[in-house]
Amino acid sequence: TFDFTLRTPPAAVLLKLAAGVVKGAMTPATEWVGEVTSAQVREIATKKLPDMNTPDVDQAMRMIEGTARSSGIRVVEE
């Protein structure tokens, strides 16, 4: 017997869908390919919360924001 556990999609995929981009930036430190709002980041963090290392939504949001920066996606305030 074995257990098969389905997880949520990767944060980078959810961020690209929210930003409406096909792929991330080639040089994330200098190039921005899209933007997401903080509300979208909160929604993604809430969706990813069962698979993350923290039970706190604010800490999960900071992790998602880091993934966004690494992908070349800017997080803007509403």
PDB file of N, CA and C in Angstrom:
ATOM      1  N   THR A   1       0.834  -1.186   0.000  1.00  0.00           N
ATOM      2  CA  THR A   1       0.000   0.000   0.000  1.00  0.00           C
ATOM      3  C   THR A   1       0.877   1.247   0.000  1.00  0.00           C
ATOM      4  N   PHE A   2       0.287   2.345  -0.408  1.00  0.00           N
ATOM      5  CA  PHE A   2       1.014   3.610  -0.412  1.00  0.00           C
ATOM      6  C   PHE A   2       0.017   4.752  -0.272  1.00  0.00           C
ATOM      7  N   ASP A   3       0.517   5.887   0.118  1.00  0.00           N
ATOM      8  CA  ASP A   3      -0.294   7.094   0.235  1.00  0.00           C
ATOM      9  C   ASP A   3       0.055   8.038  -0.903  1.00  0.00           C
ATOM     10  N   PHE A   4      -0.956   8.613  -1.508  1.00  0.00           N
ATOM     11  CA  PHE A   4      -0.765   9.564  -2.595  1.00  0.00           C
ATOM     12  C   PHE A   4      -1.388  10.885  -2.158  1.00  0.00           C
ATOM     13  N   THR A   5      -0.556  11.888  -1.916  1.00  0.00           N
ATOM     14  CA  THR A   5      -1.025  13.172  -1.416  1.00  0.00           C
ATOM     15  C   THR A   5      -0.906  14.223  -2.510  1.00  0.00           C
ATOM     16  N   LEU A   6      -2.005  14.874  -2.812  1.00  0.00           N
ATOM     17  CA  LEU A   6      -1.982  15.969  -3.775  1.00  0.00           C
ATOM     18  C   LEU A   6      -1.737  17.274  -3.025  1.00  0.00           C
ATOM     19  N   ARG A   7      -0.849  18.078  -3.540  1.00  0.00           N
ATOM     20  CA  ARG A   7      -0.506  19.361  -2.928  1.00  0.00           C
ATOM     21  C   ARG A   7      -1.012  20.491  -3.813  1.00  0.00           C
ATOM     22  N   THR A   8      -0.930  21.695  -3.293  1.00  0.00           N
ATOM     23  CA  THR A   8      -1.329  22.865  -4.077  1.00  0.00           C
ATOM     24  C   THR A   8      -0.253  23.155  -5.125  1.00  0.00           C
ATOM     25  N   PRO A   9      -0.611  23.887  -6.189  1.00  0.00           N
ATOM     26  CA  PRO A   9       0.391  24.222  -7.205  1.00  0.00           C
ATOM     27  C   PRO A   9       1.516  25.073  -6.607  1.00  0.00           C
ATOM     28  N   PRO A  10       2.681  25.094  -7.243  1.00  0.00           N
ATOM     29  CA  PRO A  10       3.784  25.923  -6.745  1.00  0.00           C
ATOM     30  C   PRO A  10       3.403  27.406  -6.732  1.00  0.00           C
ATOM     31  N   ALA A  11       4.000  28.137  -5.803  1.00  0.00           N
ATOM     32  CA  ALA A  11       3.696  29.560  -5.659  1.00  0.00           C
ATOM     33  C   ALA A  11       4.055  30.334  -6.920  1.00  0.00           C
ATOM     34  N   ALA A  12       5.141  29.960  -7.583  1.00  0.00           N
ATOM     35  CA  ALA A  12       5.552  30.666  -8.794  1.00  0.00           C
ATOM     36  C   ALA A  12       4.494  30.542  -9.894  1.00  0.00           C
ATOM     37  N   VAL A  13       3.876  29.390  -9.992  1.00  0.00           N
ATOM     38  CA  VAL A  13       2.826  29.191 -11.003  1.00  0.00           C
ATOM     39  C   VAL A  13       1.611  30.053 -10.672  1.00  0.00           C
ATOM     40  N   LEU A  14       1.214  30.078  -9.414  1.00  0.00           N
ATOM     41  CA  LEU A  14       0.066  30.894  -9.013  1.00  0.00           C
ATOM     42  C   LEU A  14       0.352  32.385  -9.207  1.00  0.00           C
ATOM     43  N   LEU A  15       1.582  32.806  -8.947  1.00  0.00           N
ATOM     44  CA  LEU A  15       1.948  34.206  -9.149  1.00  0.00           C
ATOM     45  C   LEU A  15       1.927  34.583 -10.631  1.00  0.00           C
ATOM     46  N   LYS A  16       2.442  33.696 -11.475  1.00  0.00           N
ATOM     47  CA  LYS A  16       2.427  33.982 -12.916  1.00  0.00           C
ATOM     48  C   LYS A  16       1.003  34.073 -13.436  1.00  0.00           C
ATOM     49  N   LEU A  17       0.111  33.228 -12.956  1.00  0.00           N
ATOM     50  CA  LEU A  17      -1.293  33.305 -13.359  1.00  0.00           C
ATOM     51  C   LEU A  17      -1.927  34.616 -12.900  1.00  0.00           C
ATOM     52  N   ALA A  18      -1.641  35.022 -11.669  1.00  0.00           N
ATOM     53  CA  ALA A  18      -2.211  36.253 -11.132  1.00  0.00           C
ATOM     54  C   ALA A  18      -1.677  37.481 -11.873  1.00  0.00           C
ATOM     55  N   ALA A  19      -0.404  37.440 -12.260  1.00  0.00           N
ATOM     56  CA  ALA A  19       0.208  38.577 -12.960  1.00  0.00           C
ATOM     57  C   ALA A  19      -0.101  38.557 -14.449  1.00  0.00           C
ATOM     58  N   GLY A  20      -0.536  37.418 -14.959  1.00  0.00           N
ATOM     59  CA  GLY A  20      -0.848  37.318 -16.376  1.00  0.00           C
ATOM     60  C   GLY A  20       0.387  37.251 -17.261  1.00  0.00           C
ATOM     61  N   VAL A  21       1.454  36.635 -16.763  1.00  0.00           N
ATOM     62  CA  VAL A  21       2.677  36.494 -17.543  1.00  0.00           C
ATOM     63  C   VAL A  21       2.912  35.025 -17.860  1.00  0.00           C
ATOM     64  N   VAL A  22       3.685  34.787 -18.910  1.00  0.00           N
ATOM     65  CA  VAL A  22       3.963  33.416 -19.333  1.00  0.00           C
ATOM     66  C   VAL A  22       5.153  32.831 -18.587  1.00  0.00           C
ATOM     67  N   LYS A  23       6.200  33.657 -18.402  1.00  0.00           N
ATOM     68  CA  LYS A  23       7.370  33.178 -17.674  1.00  0.00           C
ATOM     69  C   LYS A  23       7.986  34.328 -16.897  1.00  0.00           C
ATOM     70  N   GLY A  24       8.829  33.973 -15.948  1.00  0.00           N
ATOM     71  CA  GLY A  24       9.464  34.963 -15.101  1.00  0.00           C
ATOM     72  C   GLY A  24      10.559  35.718 -15.822  1.00  0.00           C
ATOM     73  N   ALA A  25      11.160  36.670 -15.132  1.00  0.00           N
ATOM     74  CA  ALA A  25      12.213  37.507 -15.699  1.00  0.00           C
ATOM     75  C   ALA A  25      13.520  36.728 -15.810  1.00  0.00           C
ATOM     76  N   MET A  26      14.297  37.064 -16.827  1.00  0.00           N
ATOM     77  CA  MET A  26      15.614  36.452 -16.980  1.00  0.00           C
ATOM     78  C   MET A  26      16.588  37.010 -15.946  1.00  0.00           C
ATOM     79  N   THR A  27      16.464  38.297 -15.622  1.00  0.00           N
ATOM     80  CA  THR A  27      17.276  38.929 -14.587  1.00  0.00           C
ATOM     81  C   THR A  27      16.329  39.592 -13.592  1.00  0.00           C
ATOM     82  N   PRO A  28      15.875  38.858 -12.568  1.00  0.00           N
ATOM     83  CA  PRO A  28      14.847  39.365 -11.664  1.00  0.00           C
ATOM     84  C   PRO A  28      15.243  40.610 -10.876  1.00  0.00           C
ATOM     85  N   ALA A  29      16.529  40.842 -10.654  1.00  0.00           N
ATOM     86  CA  ALA A  29      16.941  42.000  -9.868  1.00  0.00           C
ATOM     87  C   ALA A  29      16.784  43.307 -10.641  1.00  0.00           C
ATOM     88  N   THR A  30      16.777  43.242 -11.967  1.00  0.00           N
ATOM     89  CA  THR A  30      16.722  44.466 -12.774  1.00  0.00           C
ATOM     90  C   THR A  30      15.527  44.529 -13.711  1.00  0.00           C
ATOM     91  N   GLU A  31      14.826  43.433 -13.900  1.00  0.00           N
ATOM     92  CA  GLU A  31      13.737  43.375 -14.868  1.00  0.00           C
ATOM     93  C   GLU A  31      12.445  42.942 -14.162  1.00  0.00           C
ATOM     94  N   TRP A  32      11.343  43.644 -14.454  1.00  0.00           N
ATOM     95  CA  TRP A  32      10.032  43.293 -13.910  1.00  0.00           C
ATOM     96  C   TRP A  32       9.139  42.876 -15.066  1.00  0.00           C
ATOM     97  N   VAL A  33       8.534  41.703 -14.958  1.00  0.00           N
ATOM     98  CA  VAL A  33       7.684  41.213 -16.052  1.00  0.00           C
ATOM     99  C   VAL A  33       6.199  41.403 -15.774  1.00  0.00           C
ATOM    100  N   GLY A  34       5.839  41.676 -14.518  1.00  0.00           N
ATOM    101  CA  GLY A  34       4.431  41.844 -14.184  1.00  0.00           C
ATOM    102  C   GLY A  34       4.260  42.358 -12.770  1.00  0.00           C
ATOM    103  N   GLU A  35       2.991  42.571 -12.405  1.00  0.00           N
ATOM    104  CA  GLU A  35       2.664  43.068 -11.071  1.00  0.00           C
ATOM    105  C   GLU A  35       1.498  42.280 -10.494  1.00  0.00           C
ATOM    106  N   VAL A  36       1.513  42.126  -9.187  1.00  0.00           N
ATOM    107  CA  VAL A  36       0.385  41.570  -8.445  1.00  0.00           C
ATOM    108  C   VAL A  36       0.108  42.497  -7.267  1.00  0.00           C
ATOM    109  N   THR A  37      -1.117  42.520  -6.816  1.00  0.00           N
ATOM    110  CA  THR A  37      -1.477  43.350  -5.673  1.00  0.00           C
ATOM    111  C   THR A  37      -1.274  42.560  -4.386  1.00  0.00           C
ATOM    112  N   SER A  38      -1.259  43.272  -3.280  1.00  0.00           N
ATOM    113  CA  SER A  38      -1.098  42.590  -1.996  1.00  0.00           C
ATOM    114  C   SER A  38      -2.313  41.707  -1.684  1.00  0.00           C
ATOM    115  N   ALA A  39      -3.485  42.071  -2.204  1.00  0.00           N
ATOM    116  CA  ALA A  39      -4.669  41.226  -2.022  1.00  0.00           C
ATOM    117  C   ALA A  39      -4.504  39.896  -2.755  1.00  0.00           C
ATOM    118  N   GLN A  40      -3.911  39.940  -3.944  1.00  0.00           N
ATOM    119  CA  GLN A  40      -3.660  38.707  -4.681  1.00  0.00           C
ATOM    120  C   GLN A  40      -2.629  37.847  -3.955  1.00  0.00           C
ATOM    121  N   VAL A  41      -1.616  38.491  -3.367  1.00  0.00           N
ATOM    122  CA  VAL A  41      -0.608  37.757  -2.598  1.00  0.00           C
ATOM    123  C   VAL A  41      -1.257  37.096  -1.391  1.00  0.00           C
ATOM    124  N   ARG A  42      -2.163  37.802  -0.708  1.00  0.00           N
ATOM    125  CA  ARG A  42      -2.866  37.225   0.453  1.00  0.00           C
ATOM    126  C   ARG A  42      -3.701  36.022   0.018  1.00  0.00           C
ATOM    127  N   GLU A  43      -4.366  36.124  -1.122  1.00  0.00           N
ATOM    128  CA  GLU A  43      -5.177  35.017  -1.630  1.00  0.00           C
ATOM    129  C   GLU A  43      -4.313  33.797  -1.937  1.00  0.00           C
ATOM    130  N   ILE A  44      -3.166  34.016  -2.563  1.00  0.00           N
ATOM    131  CA  ILE A  44      -2.253  32.918  -2.879  1.00  0.00           C
ATOM    132  C   ILE A  44      -1.702  32.312  -1.594  1.00  0.00           C
ATOM    133  N   ALA A  45      -1.328  33.155  -0.635  1.00  0.00           N
ATOM    134  CA  ALA A  45      -0.794  32.661   0.640  1.00  0.00           C
ATOM    135  C   ALA A  45      -1.834  31.840   1.393  1.00  0.00           C
ATOM    136  N   THR A  46      -3.090  32.271   1.357  1.00  0.00           N
ATOM    137  CA  THR A  46      -4.157  31.520   2.020  1.00  0.00           C
ATOM    138  C   THR A  46      -4.356  30.168   1.351  1.00  0.00           C
ATOM    139  N   LYS A  47      -4.264  30.144   0.022  1.00  0.00           N
ATOM    140  CA  LYS A  47      -4.420  28.890  -0.713  1.00  0.00           C
ATOM    141  C   LYS A  47      -3.256  27.933  -0.431  1.00  0.00           C
ATOM    142  N   LYS A  48      -2.029  28.471  -0.298  1.00  0.00           N
ATOM    143  CA  LYS A  48      -0.835  27.665  -0.078  1.00  0.00           C
ATOM    144  C   LYS A  48      -0.593  27.319   1.394  1.00  0.00           C
ATOM    145  N   LEU A  49      -1.332  27.909   2.315  1.00  0.00           N
ATOM    146  CA  LEU A  49      -1.077  27.764   3.745  1.00  0.00           C
ATOM    147  C   LEU A  49      -0.982  26.315   4.229  1.00  0.00           C
ATOM    148  N   PRO A  50      -1.814  25.381   3.775  1.00  0.00           N
ATOM    149  CA  PRO A  50      -1.667  23.993   4.267  1.00  0.00           C
ATOM    150  C   PRO A  50      -0.329  23.353   3.916  1.00  0.00           C
ATOM    151  N   ASP A  51       0.328  23.809   2.852  1.00  0.00           N
ATOM    152  CA  ASP A  51       1.593  23.210   2.414  1.00  0.00           C
ATOM    153  C   ASP A  51       2.820  23.974   2.885  1.00  0.00           C
ATOM    154  N   MET A  52       2.640  25.066   3.617  1.00  0.00           N
ATOM    155  CA  MET A  52       3.772  25.890   4.024  1.00  0.00           C
ATOM    156  C   MET A  52       4.215  25.542   5.444  1.00  0.00           C
ATOM    157  N   ASN A  53       5.375  26.053   5.830  1.00  0.00           N
ATOM    158  CA  ASN A  53       5.964  25.749   7.129  1.00  0.00           C
ATOM    159  C   ASN A  53       5.446  26.631   8.248  1.00  0.00           C
ATOM    160  N   THR A  54       4.469  27.477   7.973  1.00  0.00           N
ATOM    161  CA  THR A  54       3.978  28.395   8.991  1.00  0.00           C
ATOM    162  C   THR A  54       2.449  28.385   9.031  1.00  0.00           C
ATOM    163  N   PRO A  55       1.873  28.550  10.202  1.00  0.00           N
ATOM    164  CA  PRO A  55       0.413  28.668  10.278  1.00  0.00           C
ATOM    165  C   PRO A  55      -0.061  30.119  10.159  1.00  0.00           C
ATOM    166  N   ASP A  56       0.884  31.072  10.091  1.00  0.00           N
ATOM    167  CA  ASP A  56       0.569  32.499  10.067  1.00  0.00           C
ATOM    168  C   ASP A  56       0.452  33.000   8.630  1.00  0.00           C
ATOM    169  N   VAL A  57      -0.669  33.633   8.304  1.00  0.00           N
ATOM    170  CA  VAL A  57      -0.900  34.126   6.940  1.00  0.00           C
ATOM    171  C   VAL A  57       0.073  35.244   6.593  1.00  0.00           C
ATOM    172  N   ASP A  58       0.393  36.123   7.545  1.00  0.00           N
ATOM    173  CA  ASP A  58       1.318  37.223   7.259  1.00  0.00           C
ATOM    174  C   ASP A  58       2.713  36.710   6.913  1.00  0.00           C
ATOM    175  N   GLN A  59       3.181  35.706   7.633  1.00  0.00           N
ATOM    176  CA  GLN A  59       4.483  35.114   7.321  1.00  0.00           C
ATOM    177  C   GLN A  59       4.429  34.403   5.967  1.00  0.00           C
ATOM    178  N   ALA A  60       3.340  33.739   5.669  1.00  0.00           N
ATOM    179  CA  ALA A  60       3.185  33.081   4.367  1.00  0.00           C
ATOM    180  C   ALA A  60       3.186  34.124   3.248  1.00  0.00           C
ATOM    181  N   MET A  61       2.575  35.285   3.508  1.00  0.00           N
ATOM    182  CA  MET A  61       2.587  36.358   2.502  1.00  0.00           C
ATOM    183  C   MET A  61       4.009  36.823   2.219  1.00  0.00           C
ATOM    184  N   ARG A  62       4.841  36.929   3.262  1.00  0.00           N
ATOM    185  CA  ARG A  62       6.233  37.335   3.060  1.00  0.00           C
ATOM    186  C   ARG A  62       6.990  36.307   2.225  1.00  0.00           C
ATOM    187  N   MET A  63       6.696  35.032   2.424  1.00  0.00           N
ATOM    188  CA  MET A  63       7.332  33.991   1.616  1.00  0.00           C
ATOM    189  C   MET A  63       6.906  34.097   0.151  1.00  0.00           C
ATOM    190  N   ILE A  64       5.621  34.337  -0.080  1.00  0.00           N
ATOM    191  CA  ILE A  64       5.102  34.470  -1.439  1.00  0.00           C
ATOM    192  C   ILE A  64       5.686  35.713  -2.102  1.00  0.00           C
ATOM    193  N   GLU A  65       5.819  36.818  -1.342  1.00  0.00           N
ATOM    194  CA  GLU A  65       6.432  38.032  -1.887  1.00  0.00           C
ATOM    195  C   GLU A  65       7.876  37.780  -2.294  1.00  0.00           C
ATOM    196  N   GLY A  66       8.605  36.977  -1.526  1.00  0.00           N
ATOM    197  CA  GLY A  66       9.972  36.623  -1.887  1.00  0.00           C
ATOM    198  C   GLY A  66      10.029  35.815  -3.173  1.00  0.00           C
ATOM    199  N   THR A  67       9.080  34.920  -3.340  1.00  0.00           N
ATOM    200  CA  THR A  67       9.003  34.148  -4.577  1.00  0.00           C
ATOM    201  C   THR A  67       8.688  35.067  -5.754  1.00  0.00           C
ATOM    202  N   ALA A  68       7.821  36.053  -5.511  1.00  0.00           N
ATOM    203  CA  ALA A  68       7.481  37.012  -6.572  1.00  0.00           C
ATOM    204  C   ALA A  68       8.716  37.805  -6.988  1.00  0.00           C
ATOM    205  N   ARG A  69       9.487  38.300  -6.018  1.00  0.00           N
ATOM    206  CA  ARG A  69      10.705  39.049  -6.344  1.00  0.00           C
ATOM    207  C   ARG A  69      11.680  38.188  -7.124  1.00  0.00           C
ATOM    208  N   SER A  70      11.797  36.924  -6.751  1.00  0.00           N
ATOM    209  CA  SER A  70      12.710  36.010  -7.442  1.00  0.00           C
ATOM    210  C   SER A  70      12.270  35.715  -8.864  1.00  0.00           C
ATOM    211  N   SER A  71      10.963  35.884  -9.122  1.00  0.00           N
ATOM    212  CA  SER A  71      10.415  35.633 -10.456  1.00  0.00           C
ATOM    213  C   SER A  71      10.367  36.900 -11.304  1.00  0.00           C
ATOM    214  N   GLY A  72      10.683  38.050 -10.715  1.00  0.00           N
ATOM    215  CA  GLY A  72      10.619  39.301 -11.457  1.00  0.00           C
ATOM    216  C   GLY A  72       9.209  39.896 -11.484  1.00  0.00           C
ATOM    217  N   ILE A  73       8.411  39.567 -10.478  1.00  0.00           N
ATOM    218  CA  ILE A  73       7.044  40.090 -10.386  1.00  0.00           C
ATOM    219  C   ILE A  73       7.005  41.065  -9.216  1.00  0.00           C
ATOM    220  N   ARG A  74       6.562  42.279  -9.489  1.00  0.00           N
ATOM    221  CA  ARG A  74       6.507  43.331  -8.480  1.00  0.00           C
ATOM    222  C   ARG A  74       5.205  43.238  -7.695  1.00  0.00           C
ATOM    223  N   VAL A  75       5.282  43.372  -6.376  1.00  0.00           N
ATOM    224  CA  VAL A  75       4.106  43.394  -5.513  1.00  0.00           C
ATOM    225  C   VAL A  75       3.785  44.857  -5.223  1.00  0.00           C
ATOM    226  N   VAL A  76       2.579  45.296  -5.619  1.00  0.00           N
ATOM    227  CA  VAL A  76       2.183  46.687  -5.425  1.00  0.00           C
ATOM    228  C   VAL A  76       1.066  46.743  -4.399  1.00  0.00           C
ATOM    229  N   GLU A  77       1.023  47.847  -3.676  1.00  0.00           N
ATOM    230  CA  GLU A  77      -0.058  48.081  -2.719  1.00  0.00           C
ATOM    231  C   GLU A  77      -1.275  48.576  -3.479  1.00  0.00           C
ATOM    232  N   GLU A  78      -2.426  48.283  -2.960  1.00  0.00           N
ATOM    233  CA  GLU A  78      -3.659  48.667  -3.627  1.00  0.00           C
ATOM    234  C   GLU A  78      -3.938  50.137  -3.423  1.00  0.00           C
TER     235      GLU A  78
END
